[in-house]
Each structure stands twice: as structure tokens, then as C-alpha cells.
Amino acid sequence: MLPSTEDVIRKTEQITKNIQELLRAAQENKHESRQIERESLRKLRHSLGCFSTLVLRADKSSLQPLTLQQQRPDSATCFMPCSERIHVAVAEMAALFPKKPRSEMVRASLSLLTSSAYRLQSECKKALPAEPSPTSDIQLVTQQVIQCAYDIAKAAKQLVTITTKENN
């Protein structure tokens, strides 16, 4: 038996809110590649598009490349607490579903959801300032963080769609 659509939507909203916070931190870490940045954010907004109140809003000024002087020194360290909140929200959402769902689509979406959350935590650990890394490294990590967030949002959206169809 699948959870109620309302419960899945509530957990998706929680995940989305945490992803928004993570993306704000990711935007602060950007220095170059505005086109890639815009495309990543566009894909993520599209993935979350069914939740009109949750669509990420990024104005043009927040998409401008930052210089090293403008970057907040602690913006990358914000990744870990954000990723931990996302991980908790993902675990809570996954717990709504049976351990071994009958539907292959549910299994695949849950697998994408949870594996992306683990991958996100792993990528965010790379952004910690334990060792100074070149700007290009943090840019790559930031791109990976955005991709993980996109995959989490995509999986959450799939689960909402599945439960909506199955429960109606």
C-alpha cells in the first residue's frame, strides 16, 4: 500500500525547501560558467514545476558570477548542514513507503531519491575547507551538488506523480 498523496507532497515540500537553501549556498560559490549555472537551475525549477508555490525563484542578479572578493568564505561550509537536512527529509519520505514496494517505478524512484541523497552528502563533504582547493575544484563540486539536488527533486516529483495516480 502506498502512502497518501498528501503525506508525499508534505515531505516533498520539506525536501524542496532544503534544496532551495542548498542552491542559494551553491549560487554563492559560483564564479564562472553562468550558462551552465542557469541551465542547472532551469532543470531543477522544471523538475519542481508541479509545485507552483515551491518553484525556485532566482533573479538575474543572483546568477551573476561572483569574484573571489565577493565570495563569502563560509558559503561552501553551508553545504553540509543543508545536505544533512535534505538527507533527513529524504529518509522521512522513504520511510512513508513499504520496504519492498511492488511497483518497479516506486522502487526506481526511491532508489534514485536515496542514492542521490547519499551522493549529495559525499559531494558536500568535498566542499569542506579541510584543505584549500583551487577554484575549479569547488566549481566542479558545486556542479555535482546541483546535479544531486536535481536528481532528488526529480525522484520526489516522480513519487508524487505515482502516488497521485495510484491513490485516485
Protein backbone atom coordinates (compact mmCIF):
# COMPACT_ATOMS: atom_id res chain seq x y z
CA MET A 1 0.00 0.00 0.00
CA LEU A 2 1.30 3.41 -0.96
CA PRO A 3 1.26 6.41 1.39
CA SER A 4 -1.28 9.18 0.91
CA THR A 5 -0.53 11.75 -1.76
CA GLU A 6 -0.81 14.48 0.88
CA ASP A 7 1.93 12.89 3.01
CA VAL A 8 4.21 12.52 0.00
CA ILE A 9 3.59 16.13 -1.04
CA ARG A 10 4.28 17.33 2.51
CA LYS A 11 7.65 15.53 2.54
CA THR A 12 8.43 16.77 -0.97
CA GLU A 13 7.80 20.34 0.18
CA GLN A 14 10.22 19.80 3.04
CA ILE A 15 12.85 18.41 0.64
CA THR A 16 12.25 21.30 -1.76
CA LYS A 17 12.69 23.92 0.95
CA ASN A 18 16.01 22.37 1.93
CA ILE A 19 17.13 22.16 -1.69
CA GLN A 20 16.36 25.85 -2.14
CA GLU A 21 18.63 26.66 0.79
CA LEU A 22 21.37 24.46 -0.64
CA LEU A 23 21.08 26.11 -4.06
CA ARG A 24 21.38 29.56 -2.51
CA ALA A 25 24.67 28.40 -0.99
CA ALA A 26 25.71 26.89 -4.33
CA GLN A 27 24.98 30.15 -6.13
CA GLU A 28 27.24 31.96 -3.70
CA ASN A 29 30.05 29.56 -4.65
CA LYS A 30 29.81 30.21 -8.38
CA HIS A 31 32.49 32.22 -10.12
CA GLU A 32 32.19 31.30 -13.78
CA SER A 33 30.05 29.26 -16.16
CA ARG A 34 26.88 31.33 -15.89
CA GLN A 35 25.32 29.37 -18.76
CA ILE A 36 25.83 26.01 -17.01
CA GLU A 37 24.55 27.55 -13.80
CA ARG A 38 21.39 28.85 -15.44
CA GLU A 39 20.77 25.51 -17.19
CA SER A 40 21.15 23.59 -13.92
CA LEU A 41 18.78 25.89 -12.09
CA ARG A 42 16.33 25.79 -15.00
CA LYS A 43 16.31 21.98 -14.93
CA LEU A 44 15.76 21.97 -11.18
CA ARG A 45 12.95 24.54 -11.39
CA HIS A 46 11.36 22.46 -14.15
CA SER A 47 11.62 19.32 -12.05
CA LEU A 48 9.83 21.05 -9.19
CA GLY A 49 7.43 22.85 -11.52
CA CYS A 50 4.34 20.90 -10.45
CA PHE A 51 4.56 22.61 -7.08
CA SER A 52 3.77 26.15 -8.15
CA THR A 53 4.31 27.57 -4.68
CA LEU A 54 7.68 25.86 -4.44
CA VAL A 55 9.23 26.88 -7.73
CA LEU A 56 12.68 28.24 -7.15
CA ARG A 57 12.95 31.90 -7.90
CA ALA A 58 16.34 33.18 -8.89
CA ASP A 59 16.55 36.74 -10.11
CA LYS A 60 19.15 37.74 -12.62
CA SER A 61 21.31 39.46 -10.03
CA SER A 62 21.76 36.22 -8.08
CA LEU A 63 23.02 34.49 -11.23
CA GLN A 64 25.87 36.92 -11.84
CA PRO A 65 29.33 35.41 -11.40
CA LEU A 66 30.97 36.29 -8.14
CA THR A 67 34.56 37.35 -7.85
CA LEU A 68 36.81 35.88 -5.22
CA GLN A 69 36.48 39.06 -3.19
CA GLN A 70 32.67 38.80 -3.23
CA GLN A 71 32.51 35.17 -2.17
CA ARG A 72 31.57 34.61 1.44
CA PRO A 73 34.31 32.45 2.91
CA ASP A 74 31.84 30.17 4.68
CA SER A 75 29.40 29.55 1.82
CA ALA A 76 30.80 26.10 0.97
CA THR A 77 30.63 25.07 4.62
CA CYS A 78 26.88 25.70 4.44
CA PHE A 79 26.60 22.72 2.08
CA MET A 80 26.96 20.12 4.85
CA PRO A 81 24.14 21.29 7.15
CA CYS A 82 21.91 21.73 4.09
CA SER A 83 22.73 18.28 2.80
CA GLU A 84 22.10 16.77 6.23
CA ARG A 85 18.64 18.36 6.36
CA ILE A 86 17.91 17.08 2.85
CA HIS A 87 19.13 13.62 3.85
CA VAL A 88 16.82 13.57 6.89
CA ALA A 89 13.84 14.74 4.79
CA VAL A 90 14.61 12.10 2.15
CA ALA A 91 14.82 9.38 4.83
CA GLU A 92 11.47 10.51 6.25
CA MET A 93 9.91 10.43 2.79
CA ALA A 94 11.37 6.99 2.02
CA ALA A 95 10.01 5.71 5.35
CA LEU A 96 6.47 6.50 4.13
CA PHE A 97 6.78 3.72 1.54
CA PRO A 98 6.89 -0.04 2.09
CA LYS A 99 10.37 -1.56 2.48
CA LYS A 100 9.85 -3.63 -0.68
CA PRO A 101 7.37 -1.83 -2.93
CA ARG A 102 5.65 -3.99 -5.54
CA SER A 103 5.87 -1.31 -8.21
CA GLU A 104 9.13 -1.15 -10.16
CA MET A 105 8.54 2.58 -10.72
CA VAL A 106 8.29 3.18 -6.97
CA ARG A 107 11.43 1.11 -6.33
CA ALA A 108 13.36 3.00 -9.03
CA SER A 109 12.22 6.42 -7.75
CA LEU A 110 13.03 5.54 -4.14
CA SER A 111 16.42 4.24 -5.22
CA LEU A 112 17.19 7.46 -7.11
CA LEU A 113 15.94 9.53 -4.17
CA THR A 114 18.04 7.81 -1.51
CA SER A 115 21.18 7.23 -3.60
CA SER A 116 21.15 10.89 -4.68
CA ALA A 117 20.86 11.99 -1.05
CA TYR A 118 23.90 9.87 -0.14
CA ARG A 119 25.78 11.19 -3.19
CA LEU A 120 24.84 14.75 -2.18
CA GLN A 121 26.36 14.29 1.26
CA SER A 122 29.51 12.86 -0.28
CA GLU A 123 29.85 15.79 -2.70
CA CYS A 124 29.18 18.33 0.06
CA LYS A 125 31.98 16.84 2.17
CA LYS A 126 34.34 17.63 -0.70
CA ALA A 127 33.46 21.32 -0.33
CA LEU A 128 34.57 21.49 3.29
CA PRO A 129 37.62 23.71 3.74
CA ALA A 130 39.78 20.98 5.31
CA GLU A 131 42.34 21.58 2.61
CA PRO A 132 42.36 24.64 0.38
CA SER A 133 41.40 23.62 -3.13
CA PRO A 134 41.60 25.52 -6.40
CA THR A 135 38.56 27.45 -7.56
CA SER A 136 37.93 24.99 -10.40
CA ASP A 137 37.57 22.14 -7.88
CA ILE A 138 34.91 23.96 -5.88
CA GLN A 139 33.14 24.79 -9.14
CA LEU A 140 33.07 21.11 -10.09
CA VAL A 141 31.84 20.14 -6.62
CA THR A 142 29.17 22.83 -6.84
CA GLN A 143 28.03 21.45 -10.21
CA GLN A 144 27.84 17.95 -8.71
CA VAL A 145 25.87 19.29 -5.73
CA ILE A 146 23.38 20.92 -8.10
CA GLN A 147 23.08 17.68 -10.10
CA CYS A 148 22.39 15.68 -6.93
CA ALA A 149 19.74 18.21 -5.87
CA TYR A 150 18.16 17.91 -9.33
CA ASP A 151 18.07 14.10 -9.05
CA ILE A 152 16.50 14.29 -5.59
CA ALA A 153 13.85 16.73 -6.83
CA LYS A 154 13.18 14.57 -9.89
CA ALA A 155 12.71 11.43 -7.77
CA ALA A 156 10.44 13.25 -5.31
CA LYS A 157 8.32 14.54 -8.18
CA GLN A 158 8.08 11.02 -9.62
CA LEU A 159 6.86 9.69 -6.26
CA VAL A 160 4.21 12.42 -6.05
CA THR A 161 3.05 11.56 -9.56
CA ILE A 162 2.93 7.82 -8.80
CA THR A 163 1.02 8.21 -5.55
CA THR A 164 -1.39 10.67 -7.14
CA LYS A 165 -2.19 8.18 -9.93
CA GLU A 166 -2.40 5.15 -7.63
CA ASN A 167 -4.49 6.81 -4.92
CA ASN A 168 -7.13 8.25 -7.28
